[in-house]
Amino acid sequence: MPPKCNDYFPCSSPSPAAIAALRQSLSSSRVDASLFTILNKLCDLAPAYLIGVAVDVIVEQEDP
């Protein structure tokens, strides 16, 4: 038995323009999510890198 028509199950199919708009929205969301994932990983790795650079600078200053 098919579901009854309501807000979640409309009786008519969406227009091609509505489908295109939804695809565009989801596509840009994926791009945003990918960028923020990369940015998050860089921020996670930055402290260890900066500590390593600071240690190298101090060791180089101590060597005559």
Protein backbone atom coordinates (compact mmCIF):
# COMPACT_ATOMS: atom_id res chain seq x y z
CA MET A 1 0.00 0.00 0.00
CA PRO A 2 1.58 3.35 -1.04
CA PRO A 3 1.92 6.07 1.59
CA LYS A 4 -0.77 8.73 1.83
CA CYS A 5 -0.03 12.21 0.50
CA ASN A 6 1.29 14.68 3.09
CA ASP A 7 4.22 17.04 3.57
CA TYR A 8 6.73 14.20 3.62
CA PHE A 9 5.19 12.20 0.77
CA PRO A 10 3.82 14.64 -1.81
CA CYS A 11 1.51 13.21 -4.46
CA SER A 12 3.32 15.05 -7.26
CA SER A 13 6.99 14.77 -8.13
CA PRO A 14 9.28 17.79 -7.64
CA SER A 15 10.03 20.05 -10.57
CA PRO A 16 13.37 19.72 -12.40
CA ALA A 17 14.30 23.21 -11.16
CA ALA A 18 13.76 22.12 -7.55
CA ILE A 19 15.88 19.02 -8.08
CA ALA A 20 18.66 21.09 -9.68
CA ALA A 21 18.59 23.56 -6.77
CA LEU A 22 18.81 20.71 -4.25
CA ARG A 23 21.74 19.13 -6.10
CA GLN A 24 23.56 22.48 -6.20
CA SER A 25 22.97 22.99 -2.50
CA LEU A 26 24.25 19.52 -1.61
CA SER A 27 27.26 19.92 -3.89
CA SER A 28 28.32 23.18 -2.26
CA SER A 29 27.76 21.62 1.17
CA ARG A 30 30.17 18.82 0.29
CA VAL A 31 32.79 21.31 -0.86
CA ASP A 32 32.39 23.30 2.35
CA ALA A 33 32.62 20.14 4.45
CA SER A 34 35.78 19.06 2.61
CA LEU A 35 37.43 22.43 3.11
CA PHE A 36 36.61 22.51 6.81
CA THR A 37 37.88 18.95 7.24
CA ILE A 38 41.23 19.89 5.71
CA LEU A 39 41.39 23.08 7.77
CA ASN A 40 40.61 21.10 10.93
CA LYS A 41 43.41 18.63 10.19
CA LEU A 42 45.88 21.48 9.62
CA CYS A 43 44.89 23.05 12.93
CA ASP A 44 45.33 19.68 14.65
CA LEU A 45 48.85 19.28 13.27
CA ALA A 46 50.01 22.89 13.71
CA PRO A 47 50.93 22.76 17.43
CA ALA A 48 53.21 19.76 17.01
CA TYR A 49 54.89 21.38 14.01
CA LEU A 50 55.36 24.68 15.86
CA ILE A 51 56.84 22.92 18.90
CA GLY A 52 59.26 21.07 16.60
CA VAL A 53 60.33 24.32 14.96
CA ALA A 54 60.83 25.97 18.36
CA VAL A 55 62.97 23.05 19.58
CA ASP A 56 65.08 23.19 16.42
CA VAL A 57 65.64 26.93 16.85
CA ILE A 58 66.71 26.50 20.48
CA VAL A 59 69.04 23.61 19.65
CA GLU A 60 70.64 25.58 16.82
CA GLN A 61 71.22 28.57 19.14
CA GLU A 62 72.91 26.39 21.78
CA ASP A 63 75.38 24.75 19.34
CA PRO A 64 78.56 26.87 18.97
